[in-house]
């Protein structure tokens, strides 16, 4: 083998080694980027789950407070002199408004959770 052929073979080996090294680095970089992407998506999903939980807690607390107010209004209605009196009608109106508020809160909670679930997909 001539020195020129030996040099040519060494350059081919070096070239193939560089190609292999480049591929290994590219695969490693791709794997790292994939890991970062999956980590970010996992964190995002966790934050959305926490947001849904916090949203549910706040709505649950609001509904509980409205239910307590409705019970208090029911007690006041029971103490009113008779059905159809001014006090009874006033409390019935208040109770009806609070019941509507409770229904509206439940509807909003459902709509917001559905929107958050759609945004996840």
PDB file of N, CA and C in Angstrom:
ATOM      1  N   UNK A   1       0.838  -1.163   0.000  1.00  0.00           N
ATOM      2  CA  UNK A   1       0.000   0.000   0.000  1.00  0.00           C
ATOM      3  C   UNK A   1       0.899   1.248   0.000  1.00  0.00           C
ATOM      4  N   UNK A   2       0.492   2.156  -0.788  1.00  0.00           N
ATOM      5  CA  UNK A   2       1.294   3.378  -0.908  1.00  0.00           C
ATOM      6  C   UNK A   2       0.899   4.343   0.198  1.00  0.00           C
ATOM      7  N   UNK A   3       1.765   5.281   0.502  1.00  0.00           N
ATOM      8  CA  UNK A   3       1.442   6.257   1.538  1.00  0.00           C
ATOM      9  C   UNK A   3       0.188   7.076   1.199  1.00  0.00           C
ATOM     10  N   UNK A   4      -0.050   7.295  -0.055  1.00  0.00           N
ATOM     11  CA  UNK A   4      -1.237   8.046  -0.464  1.00  0.00           C
ATOM     12  C   UNK A   4      -2.508   7.251  -0.157  1.00  0.00           C
ATOM     13  N   UNK A   5      -2.477   5.940  -0.409  1.00  0.00           N
ATOM     14  CA  UNK A   5      -3.632   5.091  -0.115  1.00  0.00           C
ATOM     15  C   UNK A   5      -3.872   5.004   1.384  1.00  0.00           C
ATOM     16  N   UNK A   6      -2.782   4.905   2.156  1.00  0.00           N
ATOM     17  CA  UNK A   6      -2.923   4.862   3.627  1.00  0.00           C
ATOM     18  C   UNK A   6      -3.554   6.155   4.145  1.00  0.00           C
ATOM     19  N   UNK A   7      -3.125   7.263   3.628  1.00  0.00           N
ATOM     20  CA  UNK A   7      -3.673   8.553   4.046  1.00  0.00           C
ATOM     21  C   UNK A   7      -5.146   8.651   3.671  1.00  0.00           C
ATOM     22  N   UNK A   8      -5.473   8.165   2.461  1.00  0.00           N
ATOM     23  CA  UNK A   8      -6.864   8.187   2.010  1.00  0.00           C
ATOM     24  C   UNK A   8      -7.727   7.327   2.927  1.00  0.00           C
ATOM     25  N   UNK A   9      -7.275   6.153   3.340  1.00  0.00           N
ATOM     26  CA  UNK A   9      -8.019   5.264   4.234  1.00  0.00           C
ATOM     27  C   UNK A   9      -8.191   5.921   5.598  1.00  0.00           C
ATOM     28  N   UNK A  10      -7.121   6.567   6.086  1.00  0.00           N
ATOM     29  CA  UNK A  10      -7.214   7.248   7.392  1.00  0.00           C
ATOM     30  C   UNK A  10      -8.248   8.384   7.337  1.00  0.00           C
ATOM     31  N   UNK A  11      -8.278   9.128   6.255  1.00  0.00           N
ATOM     32  CA  UNK A  11      -9.272  10.198   6.120  1.00  0.00           C
ATOM     33  C   UNK A  11     -10.692   9.639   6.061  1.00  0.00           C
ATOM     34  N   UNK A  12     -10.878   8.515   5.375  1.00  0.00           N
ATOM     35  CA  UNK A  12     -12.198   7.889   5.313  1.00  0.00           C
ATOM     36  C   UNK A  12     -12.638   7.413   6.687  1.00  0.00           C
ATOM     37  N   UNK A  13     -11.704   6.813   7.434  1.00  0.00           N
ATOM     38  CA  UNK A  13     -12.022   6.352   8.792  1.00  0.00           C
ATOM     39  C   UNK A  13     -12.358   7.551   9.677  1.00  0.00           C
ATOM     40  N   UNK A  14     -11.579   8.612   9.589  1.00  0.00           N
ATOM     41  CA  UNK A  14     -11.833   9.815  10.379  1.00  0.00           C
ATOM     42  C   UNK A  14     -13.180  10.426   9.996  1.00  0.00           C
ATOM     43  N   UNK A  15     -13.473  10.428   8.681  1.00  0.00           N
ATOM     44  CA  UNK A  15     -14.748  10.981   8.216  1.00  0.00           C
ATOM     45  C   UNK A  15     -15.928  10.173   8.773  1.00  0.00           C
ATOM     46  N   UNK A  16     -15.817   8.842   8.729  1.00  0.00           N
ATOM     47  CA  UNK A  16     -16.894   7.996   9.252  1.00  0.00           C
ATOM     48  C   UNK A  16     -17.014   8.136  10.765  1.00  0.00           C
ATOM     49  N   UNK A  17     -15.917   8.282  11.439  1.00  0.00           N
ATOM     50  CA  UNK A  17     -15.947   8.483  12.891  1.00  0.00           C
ATOM     51  C   UNK A  17     -16.642   9.800  13.222  1.00  0.00           C
ATOM     52  N   UNK A  18     -16.355  10.842  12.454  1.00  0.00           N
ATOM     53  CA  UNK A  18     -17.016  12.136  12.676  1.00  0.00           C
ATOM     54  C   UNK A  18     -18.517  12.049  12.394  1.00  0.00           C
ATOM     55  N   UNK A  19     -18.895  11.303  11.368  1.00  0.00           N
ATOM     56  CA  UNK A  19     -20.319  11.118  11.070  1.00  0.00           C
ATOM     57  C   UNK A  19     -21.010  10.399  12.219  1.00  0.00           C
ATOM     58  N   UNK A  20     -20.385   9.341  12.735  1.00  0.00           N
ATOM     59  CA  UNK A  20     -20.958   8.595  13.863  1.00  0.00           C
ATOM     60  C   UNK A  20     -21.050   9.498  15.095  1.00  0.00           C
ATOM     61  N   UNK A  21     -20.000  10.250  15.362  1.00  0.00           N
ATOM     62  CA  UNK A  21     -19.994  11.155  16.512  1.00  0.00           C
ATOM     63  C   UNK A  21     -21.087  12.215  16.371  1.00  0.00           C
ATOM     64  N   UNK A  22     -21.257  12.750  15.165  1.00  0.00           N
ATOM     65  CA  UNK A  22     -22.304  13.741  14.919  1.00  0.00           C
ATOM     66  C   UNK A  22     -23.692  13.138  15.147  1.00  0.00           C
ATOM     67  N   UNK A  23     -23.899  11.924  14.682  1.00  0.00           N
ATOM     68  CA  UNK A  23     -25.186  11.259  14.889  1.00  0.00           C
ATOM     69  C   UNK A  23     -25.449  11.006  16.371  1.00  0.00           C
ATOM     70  N   UNK A  24     -24.435  10.584  17.096  1.00  0.00           N
ATOM     71  CA  UNK A  24     -24.595  10.335  18.534  1.00  0.00           C
ATOM     72  C   UNK A  24     -24.951  11.632  19.253  1.00  0.00           C
ATOM     73  N   UNK A  25     -24.276  12.717  18.902  1.00  0.00           N
ATOM     74  CA  UNK A  25     -24.568  14.015  19.532  1.00  0.00           C
ATOM     75  C   UNK A  25     -25.986  14.468  19.169  1.00  0.00           C
ATOM     76  N   UNK A  26     -26.386  14.290  17.919  1.00  0.00           N
ATOM     77  CA  UNK A  26     -27.731  14.699  17.482  1.00  0.00           C
ATOM     78  C   UNK A  26     -28.803  13.889  18.210  1.00  0.00           C
ATOM     79  N   UNK A  27     -28.581  12.586  18.352  1.00  0.00           N
ATOM     80  CA  UNK A  27     -29.547  11.741  19.069  1.00  0.00           C
ATOM     81  C   UNK A  27     -29.612  12.152  20.533  1.00  0.00           C
ATOM     82  N   UNK A  28     -28.462  12.424  21.137  1.00  0.00           N
ATOM     83  CA  UNK A  28     -28.431  12.863  22.536  1.00  0.00           C
ATOM     84  C   UNK A  28     -29.158  14.183  22.734  1.00  0.00           C
ATOM     85  N   UNK A  29     -28.915  15.132  21.820  1.00  0.00           N
ATOM     86  CA  UNK A  29     -29.588  16.431  21.915  1.00  0.00           C
ATOM     87  C   UNK A  29     -31.089  16.274  21.728  1.00  0.00           C
ATOM     88  N   UNK A  30     -31.478  15.439  20.800  1.00  0.00           N
ATOM     89  CA  UNK A  30     -32.903  15.198  20.561  1.00  0.00           C
ATOM     90  C   UNK A  30     -33.566  14.560  21.782  1.00  0.00           C
ATOM     91  N   UNK A  31     -32.893  13.608  22.380  1.00  0.00           N
ATOM     92  CA  UNK A  31     -33.434  12.960  23.583  1.00  0.00           C
ATOM     93  C   UNK A  31     -33.569  13.967  24.717  1.00  0.00           C
ATOM     94  N   UNK A  32     -32.583  14.843  24.874  1.00  0.00           N
ATOM     95  CA  UNK A  32     -32.634  15.853  25.935  1.00  0.00           C
ATOM     96  C   UNK A  32     -33.794  16.823  25.695  1.00  0.00           C
ATOM     97  N   UNK A  33     -33.962  17.266  24.442  1.00  0.00           N
ATOM     98  CA  UNK A  33     -35.073  18.168  24.132  1.00  0.00           C
ATOM     99  C   UNK A  33     -36.423  17.487  24.375  1.00  0.00           C
ATOM    100  N   UNK A  34     -36.512  16.209  24.023  1.00  0.00           N
ATOM    101  CA  UNK A  34     -37.738  15.458  24.287  1.00  0.00           C
ATOM    102  C   UNK A  34     -38.028  15.362  25.770  1.00  0.00           C
ATOM    103  N   UNK A  35     -36.987  15.128  26.558  1.00  0.00           N
ATOM    104  CA  UNK A  35     -37.138  15.063  28.018  1.00  0.00           C
ATOM    105  C   UNK A  35     -37.623  16.403  28.559  1.00  0.00           C
ATOM    106  N   UNK A  36     -37.025  17.496  28.094  1.00  0.00           N
ATOM    107  CA  UNK A  36     -37.428  18.824  28.566  1.00  0.00           C
ATOM    108  C   UNK A  36     -38.885  19.110  28.191  1.00  0.00           C
ATOM    109  N   UNK A  37     -39.272  18.720  26.978  1.00  0.00           N
ATOM    110  CA  UNK A  37     -40.647  18.945  26.522  1.00  0.00           C
ATOM    111  C   UNK A  37     -41.624  18.151  27.379  1.00  0.00           C
ATOM    112  N   UNK A  38     -41.310  16.893  27.631  1.00  0.00           N
ATOM    113  CA  UNK A  38     -42.195  16.071  28.458  1.00  0.00           C
ATOM    114  C   UNK A  38     -42.255  16.602  29.890  1.00  0.00           C
ATOM    115  N   UNK A  39     -41.137  17.079  30.404  1.00  0.00           N
ATOM    116  CA  UNK A  39     -41.121  17.654  31.752  1.00  0.00           C
ATOM    117  C   UNK A  39     -41.995  18.898  31.816  1.00  0.00           C
ATOM    118  N   UNK A  40     -41.883  19.736  30.795  1.00  0.00           N
ATOM    119  CA  UNK A  40     -42.684  20.965  30.766  1.00  0.00           C
ATOM    120  C   UNK A  40     -44.172  20.632  30.672  1.00  0.00           C
ATOM    121  N   UNK A  41     -44.517  19.648  29.833  1.00  0.00           N
ATOM    122  CA  UNK A  41     -45.922  19.257  29.715  1.00  0.00           C
ATOM    123  C   UNK A  41     -46.429  18.665  31.021  1.00  0.00           C
ATOM    124  N   UNK A  42     -45.592  17.906  31.697  1.00  0.00           N
ATOM    125  CA  UNK A  42     -45.986  17.319  32.975  1.00  0.00           C
ATOM    126  C   UNK A  42     -46.230  18.410  34.012  1.00  0.00           C
ATOM    127  N   UNK A  43     -45.340  19.400  34.060  1.00  0.00           N
ATOM    128  CA  UNK A  43     -45.521  20.514  34.996  1.00  0.00           C
ATOM    129  C   UNK A  43     -46.790  21.291  34.662  1.00  0.00           C
ATOM    130  N   UNK A  44     -47.038  21.502  33.383  1.00  0.00           N
ATOM    131  CA  UNK A  44     -48.233  22.226  32.956  1.00  0.00           C
ATOM    132  C   UNK A  44     -49.499  21.468  33.351  1.00  0.00           C
ATOM    133  N   UNK A  45     -49.477  20.157  33.157  1.00  0.00           N
ATOM    134  CA  UNK A  45     -50.633  19.345  33.538  1.00  0.00           C
ATOM    135  C   UNK A  45     -50.849  19.403  35.043  1.00  0.00           C
ATOM    136  N   UNK A  46     -49.764  19.384  35.808  1.00  0.00           N
ATOM    137  CA  UNK A  46     -49.861  19.470  37.265  1.00  0.00           C
ATOM    138  C   UNK A  46     -50.458  20.818  37.683  1.00  0.00           C
ATOM    139  N   UNK A  47     -50.003  21.895  37.044  1.00  0.00           N
ATOM    140  CA  UNK A  47     -50.527  23.221  37.369  1.00  0.00           C
ATOM    141  C   UNK A  47     -52.008  23.322  37.029  1.00  0.00           C
ATOM    142  N   UNK A  48     -52.415  22.735  35.893  1.00  0.00           N
ATOM    143  CA  UNK A  48     -53.833  22.764  35.524  1.00  0.00           C
ATOM    144  C   UNK A  48     -54.664  21.972  36.522  1.00  0.00           C
ATOM    145  N   UNK A  49     -54.130  20.839  36.956  1.00  0.00           N
ATOM    146  CA  UNK A  49     -54.853  20.032  37.948  1.00  0.00           C
ATOM    147  C   UNK A  49     -55.001  20.805  39.251  1.00  0.00           C
ATOM    148  N   UNK A  50     -53.946  21.497  39.658  1.00  0.00           N
ATOM    149  CA  UNK A  50     -54.016  22.310  40.878  1.00  0.00           C
ATOM    150  C   UNK A  50     -55.006  23.456  40.712  1.00  0.00           C
ATOM    151  N   UNK A  51     -55.038  24.051  39.521  1.00  0.00           N
ATOM    152  CA  UNK A  51     -55.983  25.145  39.267  1.00  0.00           C
ATOM    153  C   UNK A  51     -57.421  24.643  39.343  1.00  0.00           C
ATOM    154  N   UNK A  52     -57.675  23.475  38.760  1.00  0.00           N
ATOM    155  CA  UNK A  52     -59.019  22.903  38.820  1.00  0.00           C
ATOM    156  C   UNK A  52     -59.396  22.597  40.256  1.00  0.00           C
ATOM    157  N   UNK A  53     -58.455  22.079  41.026  1.00  0.00           N
ATOM    158  CA  UNK A  53     -58.730  21.759  42.429  1.00  0.00           C
ATOM    159  C   UNK A  53     -59.033  23.024  43.230  1.00  0.00           C
ATOM    160  N   UNK A  54     -58.237  24.069  43.015  1.00  0.00           N
ATOM    161  CA  UNK A  54     -58.464  25.334  43.719  1.00  0.00           C
ATOM    162  C   UNK A  54     -59.794  25.956  43.306  1.00  0.00           C
ATOM    163  N   UNK A  55     -60.097  25.890  42.026  1.00  0.00           N
ATOM    164  CA  UNK A  55     -61.371  26.403  41.520  1.00  0.00           C
ATOM    165  C   UNK A  55     -62.532  25.664  42.166  1.00  0.00           C
ATOM    166  N   UNK A  56     -62.418  24.359  42.231  1.00  0.00           N
ATOM    167  CA  UNK A  56     -63.477  23.549  42.832  1.00  0.00           C
ATOM    168  C   UNK A  56     -63.634  23.875  44.315  1.00  0.00           C
ATOM    169  N   UNK A  57     -62.507  24.053  45.017  1.00  0.00           N
ATOM    170  CA  UNK A  57     -62.571  24.390  46.447  1.00  0.00           C
ATOM    171  C   UNK A  57     -63.287  25.723  46.663  1.00  0.00           C
ATOM    172  N   UNK A  58     -62.947  26.721  45.844  1.00  0.00           N
ATOM    173  CA  UNK A  58     -63.565  28.031  46.047  1.00  0.00           C
ATOM    174  C   UNK A  58     -65.056  27.989  45.732  1.00  0.00           C
ATOM    175  N   UNK A  59     -65.435  27.278  44.681  1.00  0.00           N
ATOM    176  CA  UNK A  59     -66.859  27.154  44.360  1.00  0.00           C
ATOM    177  C   UNK A  59     -67.583  26.346  45.440  1.00  0.00           C
ATOM    178  N   UNK A  60     -66.938  25.301  45.938  1.00  0.00           N
ATOM    179  CA  UNK A  60     -67.558  24.495  46.994  1.00  0.00           C
ATOM    180  C   UNK A  60     -67.795  25.335  48.234  1.00  0.00           C
ATOM    181  N   UNK A  61     -66.819  26.167  48.584  1.00  0.00           N
ATOM    182  CA  UNK A  61     -66.970  27.042  49.744  1.00  0.00           C
ATOM    183  C   UNK A  61     -68.110  28.035  49.513  1.00  0.00           C
ATOM    184  N   UNK A  62     -68.191  28.595  48.322  1.00  0.00           N
ATOM    185  CA  UNK A  62     -69.280  29.544  48.019  1.00  0.00           C
ATOM    186  C   UNK A  62     -70.639  28.861  48.113  1.00  0.00           C
ATOM    187  N   UNK A  63     -70.735  27.661  47.567  1.00  0.00           N
ATOM    188  CA  UNK A  63     -72.007  26.928  47.608  1.00  0.00           C
ATOM    189  C   UNK A  63     -72.371  26.589  49.049  1.00  0.00           C
ATOM    190  N   UNK A  64     -71.375  26.207  49.841  1.00  0.00           N
ATOM    191  CA  UNK A  64     -71.637  25.886  51.254  1.00  0.00           C
ATOM    192  C   UNK A  64     -72.165  27.115  51.991  1.00  0.00           C
ATOM    193  N   UNK A  65     -71.556  28.266  51.734  1.00  0.00           N
ATOM    194  CA  UNK A  65     -72.017  29.495  52.383  1.00  0.00           C
ATOM    195  C   UNK A  65     -73.439  29.850  51.948  1.00  0.00           C
ATOM    196  N   UNK A  66     -73.729  29.698  50.672  1.00  0.00           N
ATOM    197  CA  UNK A  66     -75.090  29.995  50.198  1.00  0.00           C
ATOM    198  C   UNK A  66     -76.090  29.014  50.811  1.00  0.00           C
ATOM    199  N   UNK A  67     -75.718  27.736  50.911  1.00  0.00           N
ATOM    200  CA  UNK A  67     -76.614  26.761  51.541  1.00  0.00           C
ATOM    201  C   UNK A  67     -76.885  27.134  52.993  1.00  0.00           C
ATOM    202  N   UNK A  68     -75.847  27.587  53.713  1.00  0.00           N
ATOM    203  CA  UNK A  68     -76.038  28.019  55.096  1.00  0.00           C
ATOM    204  C   UNK A  68     -76.986  29.221  55.165  1.00  0.00           C
ATOM    205  N   UNK A  69     -76.818  30.157  54.220  1.00  0.00           N
ATOM    206  CA  UNK A  69     -77.698  31.319  54.188  1.00  0.00           C
ATOM    207  C   UNK A  69     -79.139  30.911  53.868  1.00  0.00           C
ATOM    208  N   UNK A  70     -79.303  29.940  52.984  1.00  0.00           N
ATOM    209  CA  UNK A  70     -80.648  29.464  52.648  1.00  0.00           C
ATOM    210  C   UNK A  70     -81.292  28.814  53.871  1.00  0.00           C
ATOM    211  N   UNK A  71     -80.510  28.024  54.614  1.00  0.00           N
ATOM    212  CA  UNK A  71     -81.052  27.407  55.834  1.00  0.00           C
ATOM    213  C   UNK A  71     -81.469  28.467  56.851  1.00  0.00           C
ATOM    214  N   UNK A  72     -80.634  29.506  56.981  1.00  0.00           N
ATOM    215  CA  UNK A  72     -80.976  30.590  57.908  1.00  0.00           C
ATOM    216  C   UNK A  72     -82.262  31.290  57.453  1.00  0.00           C
ATOM    217  N   UNK A  73     -82.402  31.483  56.170  1.00  0.00           N
ATOM    218  CA  UNK A  73     -83.611  32.107  55.637  1.00  0.00           C
ATOM    219  C   UNK A  73     -84.828  31.210  55.872  1.00  0.00           C
ATOM    220  N   UNK A  74     -84.631  29.883  55.731  1.00  0.00           N
ATOM    221  CA  UNK A  74     -85.724  28.946  56.005  1.00  0.00           C
ATOM    222  C   UNK A  74     -86.175  29.053  57.463  1.00  0.00           C
ATOM    223  N   UNK A  75     -85.212  29.194  58.371  1.00  0.00           N
ATOM    224  CA  UNK A  75     -85.570  29.354  59.789  1.00  0.00           C
ATOM    225  C   UNK A  75     -86.346  30.647  60.014  1.00  0.00           C
ATOM    226  N   UNK A  76     -85.920  31.720  59.347  1.00  0.00           N
ATOM    227  CA  UNK A  76     -86.633  32.985  59.480  1.00  0.00           C
ATOM    228  C   UNK A  76     -88.039  32.879  58.897  1.00  0.00           C
ATOM    229  N   UNK A  77     -88.176  32.140  57.804  1.00  0.00           N
ATOM    230  CA  UNK A  77     -89.505  31.941  57.216  1.00  0.00           C
ATOM    231  C   UNK A  77     -90.388  31.141  58.169  1.00  0.00           C
ATOM    232  N   UNK A  78     -89.786  30.170  58.853  1.00  0.00           N
ATOM    233  CA  UNK A  78     -90.566  29.358  59.794  1.00  0.00           C
ATOM    234  C   UNK A  78     -91.052  30.202  60.973  1.00  0.00           C
ATOM    235  N   UNK A  79     -90.309  31.240  61.305  1.00  0.00           N
ATOM    236  CA  UNK A  79     -90.692  32.091  62.434  1.00  0.00           C
ATOM    237  C   UNK A  79     -91.647  33.205  62.012  1.00  0.00           C
ATOM    238  N   UNK A  80     -91.841  33.385  60.723  1.00  0.00           N
ATOM    239  CA  UNK A  80     -92.764  34.413  60.246  1.00  0.00           C
ATOM    240  C   UNK A  80     -94.177  34.042  60.688  1.00  0.00           C
ATOM    241  N   UNK A  81     -95.014  35.040  60.943  1.00  0.00           N
ATOM    242  CA  UNK A  81     -96.355  34.765  61.473  1.00  0.00           C
ATOM    243  C   UNK A  81     -97.183  33.814  60.605  1.00  0.00           C
ATOM    244  N   UNK A  82     -97.229  34.010  59.336  1.00  0.00           N
ATOM    245  CA  UNK A  82     -97.996  33.121  58.471  1.00  0.00           C
ATOM    246  C   UNK A  82     -97.521  33.305  57.028  1.00  0.00           C
ATOM    247  N   UNK A  83     -97.833  32.332  56.222  1.00  0.00           N
ATOM    248  CA  UNK A  83     -97.484  32.407  54.819  1.00  0.00           C
ATOM    249  C   UNK A  83     -98.302  33.510  54.178  1.00  0.00           C
ATOM    250  N   UNK A  84     -97.608  34.323  53.386  1.00  0.00           N
ATOM    251  CA  UNK A  84     -98.298  35.439  52.752  1.00  0.00           C
ATOM    252  C   UNK A  84     -98.114  36.744  53.512  1.00  0.00           C
ATOM    253  N   UNK A  85     -97.564  36.691  54.716  1.00  0.00           N
ATOM    254  CA  UNK A  85     -97.297  37.930  55.441  1.00  0.00           C
ATOM    255  C   UNK A  85     -96.106  38.632  54.788  1.00  0.00           C
ATOM    256  N   UNK A  86     -95.914  39.889  55.152  1.00  0.00           N
ATOM    257  CA  UNK A  86     -94.829  40.669  54.558  1.00  0.00           C
ATOM    258  C   UNK A  86     -93.483  40.016  54.828  1.00  0.00           C
ATOM    259  N   UNK A  87     -93.227  39.622  56.077  1.00  0.00           N
ATOM    260  CA  UNK A  87     -91.939  39.006  56.430  1.00  0.00           C
ATOM    261  C   UNK A  87     -91.733  37.703  55.665  1.00  0.00           C
ATOM    262  N   UNK A  88     -92.777  36.887  55.609  1.00  0.00           N
ATOM    263  CA  UNK A  88     -92.639  35.585  54.935  1.00  0.00           C
ATOM    264  C   UNK A  88     -92.340  35.790  53.448  1.00  0.00           C
ATOM    265  N   UNK A  89     -93.056  36.698  52.814  1.00  0.00           N
ATOM    266  CA  UNK A  89     -92.828  36.977  51.393  1.00  0.00           C
ATOM    267  C   UNK A  89     -91.408  37.521  51.148  1.00  0.00           C
ATOM    268  N   UNK A  90     -90.950  38.376  52.058  1.00  0.00           N
ATOM    269  CA  UNK A  90     -89.606  38.934  51.933  1.00  0.00           C
ATOM    270  C   UNK A  90     -88.572  37.811  52.017  1.00  0.00           C
ATOM    271  N   UNK A  91     -88.717  36.926  52.983  1.00  0.00           N
ATOM    272  CA  UNK A  91     -87.776  35.813  53.131  1.00  0.00           C
ATOM    273  C   UNK A  91     -87.878  34.821  51.975  1.00  0.00           C
ATOM    274  N   UNK A  92     -89.080  34.627  51.467  1.00  0.00           N
ATOM    275  CA  UNK A  92     -89.241  33.723  50.327  1.00  0.00           C
ATOM    276  C   UNK A  92     -88.530  34.291  49.093  1.00  0.00           C
ATOM    277  N   UNK A  93     -88.624  35.600  48.902  1.00  0.00           N
ATOM    278  CA  UNK A  93     -87.941  36.236  47.796  1.00  0.00           C
ATOM    279  C   UNK A  93     -86.421  36.105  47.946  1.00  0.00           C
ATOM    280  N   UNK A  94     -85.931  36.332  49.161  1.00  0.00           N
ATOM    281  CA  UNK A  94     -84.487  36.212  49.428  1.00  0.00           C
ATOM    282  C   UNK A  94     -84.029  34.771  49.189  1.00  0.00           C
ATOM    283  N   UNK A  95     -84.833  33.814  49.656  1.00  0.00           N
ATOM    284  CA  UNK A  95     -84.466  32.401  49.490  1.00  0.00           C
ATOM    285  C   UNK A  95     -84.413  32.025  48.013  1.00  0.00           C
ATOM    286  N   UNK A  96     -85.379  32.485  47.257  1.00  0.00           N
ATOM    287  CA  UNK A  96     -85.421  32.186  45.825  1.00  0.00           C
ATOM    288  C   UNK A  96     -84.194  32.772  45.115  1.00  0.00           C
ATOM    289  N   UNK A  97     -83.816  33.995  45.475  1.00  0.00           N
ATOM    290  CA  UNK A  97     -82.644  34.633  44.850  1.00  0.00           C
ATOM    291  C   UNK A  97     -81.368  33.854  45.191  1.00  0.00           C
ATOM    292  N   UNK A  98     -81.268  33.397  46.426  1.00  0.00           N
ATOM    293  CA  UNK A  98     -80.069  32.634  46.826  1.00  0.00           C
ATOM    294  C   UNK A  98     -80.037  31.271  46.145  1.00  0.00           C
ATOM    295  N   UNK A  99     -81.183  30.671  45.966  1.00  0.00           N
ATOM    296  CA  UNK A  99     -81.229  29.393  45.254  1.00  0.00           C
ATOM    297  C   UNK A  99     -80.799  29.576  43.797  1.00  0.00           C
ATOM    298  N   UNK A 100     -81.203  30.689  43.187  1.00  0.00           N
ATOM    299  CA  UNK A 100     -80.766  30.978  41.820  1.00  0.00           C
ATOM    300  C   UNK A 100     -79.259  31.213  41.770  1.00  0.00           C
ATOM    301  N   UNK A 101     -78.739  31.926  42.787  1.00  0.00           N
ATOM    302  CA  UNK A 101     -77.295  32.142  42.858  1.00  0.00           C
ATOM    303  C   UNK A 101     -76.542  30.819  42.949  1.00  0.00           C
ATOM    304  N   UNK A 102     -77.066  29.915  43.766  1.00  0.00           N
ATOM    305  CA  UNK A 102     -76.431  28.609  43.930  1.00  0.00           C
ATOM    306  C   UNK A 102     -76.429  27.851  42.602  1.00  0.00           C
ATOM    307  N   UNK A 103     -77.539  27.865  41.901  1.00  0.00           N
ATOM    308  CA  UNK A 103     -77.615  27.186  40.605  1.00  0.00           C
ATOM    309  C   UNK A 103     -76.656  27.814  39.596  1.00  0.00           C
ATOM    310  N   UNK A 104     -76.551  29.143  39.615  1.00  0.00           N
ATOM    311  CA  UNK A 104     -75.642  29.840  38.714  1.00  0.00           C
ATOM    312  C   UNK A 104     -74.187  29.488  39.023  1.00  0.00           C
ATOM    313  N   UNK A 105     -73.846  29.422  40.299  1.00  0.00           N
ATOM    314  CA  UNK A 105     -72.485  29.051  40.683  1.00  0.00           C
ATOM    315  C   UNK A 105     -72.160  27.639  40.218  1.00  0.00           C
ATOM    316  N   UNK A 106     -73.085  26.720  40.390  1.00  0.00           N
ATOM    317  CA  UNK A 106     -72.858  25.344  39.930  1.00  0.00           C
ATOM    318  C   UNK A 106     -72.682  25.299  38.411  1.00  0.00           C
ATOM    319  N   UNK A 107     -73.479  26.079  37.712  1.00  0.00           N
ATOM    320  CA  UNK A 107     -73.389  26.117  36.254  1.00  0.00           C
ATOM    321  C   UNK A 107     -72.040  26.691  35.811  1.00  0.00           C
ATOM    322  N   UNK A 108     -71.598  27.755  36.454  1.00  0.00           N
ATOM    323  CA  UNK A 108     -70.312  28.365  36.111  1.00  0.00           C
ATOM    324  C   UNK A 108     -69.154  27.416  36.413  1.00  0.00           C
ATOM    325  N   UNK A 109     -69.236  26.744  37.543  1.00  0.00           N
ATOM    326  CA  UNK A 109     -68.187  25.782  37.900  1.00  0.00           C
ATOM    327  C   UNK A 109     -68.082  24.708  36.825  1.00  0.00           C
ATOM    328  N   UNK A 110     -69.211  24.154  36.445  1.00  0.00           N
ATOM    329  CA  UNK A 110     -69.204  23.124  35.413  1.00  0.00           C
ATOM    330  C   UNK A 110     -68.638  23.635  34.104  1.00  0.00           C
ATOM    331  N   UNK A 111     -69.038  24.830  33.711  1.00  0.00           N
ATOM    332  CA  UNK A 111     -68.559  25.395  32.450  1.00  0.00           C
ATOM    333  C   UNK A 111     -67.056  25.654  32.485  1.00  0.00           C
ATOM    334  N   UNK A 112     -66.552  26.162  33.613  1.00  0.00           N
ATOM    335  CA  UNK A 112     -65.123  26.441  33.697  1.00  0.00           C
ATOM    336  C   UNK A 112     -64.303  25.161  33.712  1.00  0.00           C
ATOM    337  N   UNK A 113     -64.783  24.146  34.389  1.00  0.00           N
ATOM    338  CA  UNK A 113     -64.047  22.879  34.412  1.00  0.00           C
ATOM    339  C   UNK A 113     -64.055  22.252  33.023  1.00  0.00           C
ATOM    340  N   UNK A 114     -65.183  22.319  32.326  1.00  0.00           N
ATOM    341  CA  UNK A 114     -65.238  21.801  30.954  1.00  0.00           C
ATOM    342  C   UNK A 114     -64.265  22.566  30.062  1.00  0.00           C
ATOM    343  N   UNK A 115     -64.220  23.894  30.214  1.00  0.00           N
ATOM    344  CA  UNK A 115     -63.294  24.690  29.407  1.00  0.00           C
ATOM    345  C   UNK A 115     -61.848  24.315  29.695  1.00  0.00           C
ATOM    346  N   UNK A 116     -61.516  24.112  30.964  1.00  0.00           N
ATOM    347  CA  UNK A 116     -60.151  23.725  31.318  1.00  0.00           C
ATOM    348  C   UNK A 116     -59.802  22.348  30.772  1.00  0.00           C
ATOM    349  N   UNK A 117     -60.750  21.429  30.820  1.00  0.00           N
ATOM    350  CA  UNK A 117     -60.505  20.082  30.295  1.00  0.00           C
ATOM    351  C   UNK A 117     -60.320  20.129  28.775  1.00  0.00           C
ATOM    352  N   UNK A 118     -61.104  20.967  28.090  1.00  0.00           N
ATOM    353  CA  UNK A 118     -60.953  21.103  26.633  1.00  0.00           C
ATOM    354  C   UNK A 118     -59.584  21.702  26.307  1.00  0.00           C
ATOM    355  N   UNK A 119     -59.152  22.655  27.111  1.00  0.00           N
ATOM    356  CA  UNK A 119     -57.859  23.295  26.869  1.00  0.00           C
ATOM    357  C   UNK A 119     -56.707  22.309  27.064  1.00  0.00           C
ATOM    358  N   UNK A 120     -56.906  21.308  27.915  1.00  0.00           N
ATOM    359  CA  UNK A 120     -55.881  20.289  28.128  1.00  0.00           C
ATOM    360  C   UNK A 120     -55.637  19.477  26.874  1.00  0.00           C
ATOM    361  N   UNK A 121     -56.694  19.235  26.127  1.00  0.00           N
ATOM    362  CA  UNK A 121     -56.568  18.393  24.934  1.00  0.00           C
ATOM    363  C   UNK A 121     -56.014  19.171  23.832  1.00  0.00           C
TER     364      UNK A 121
END
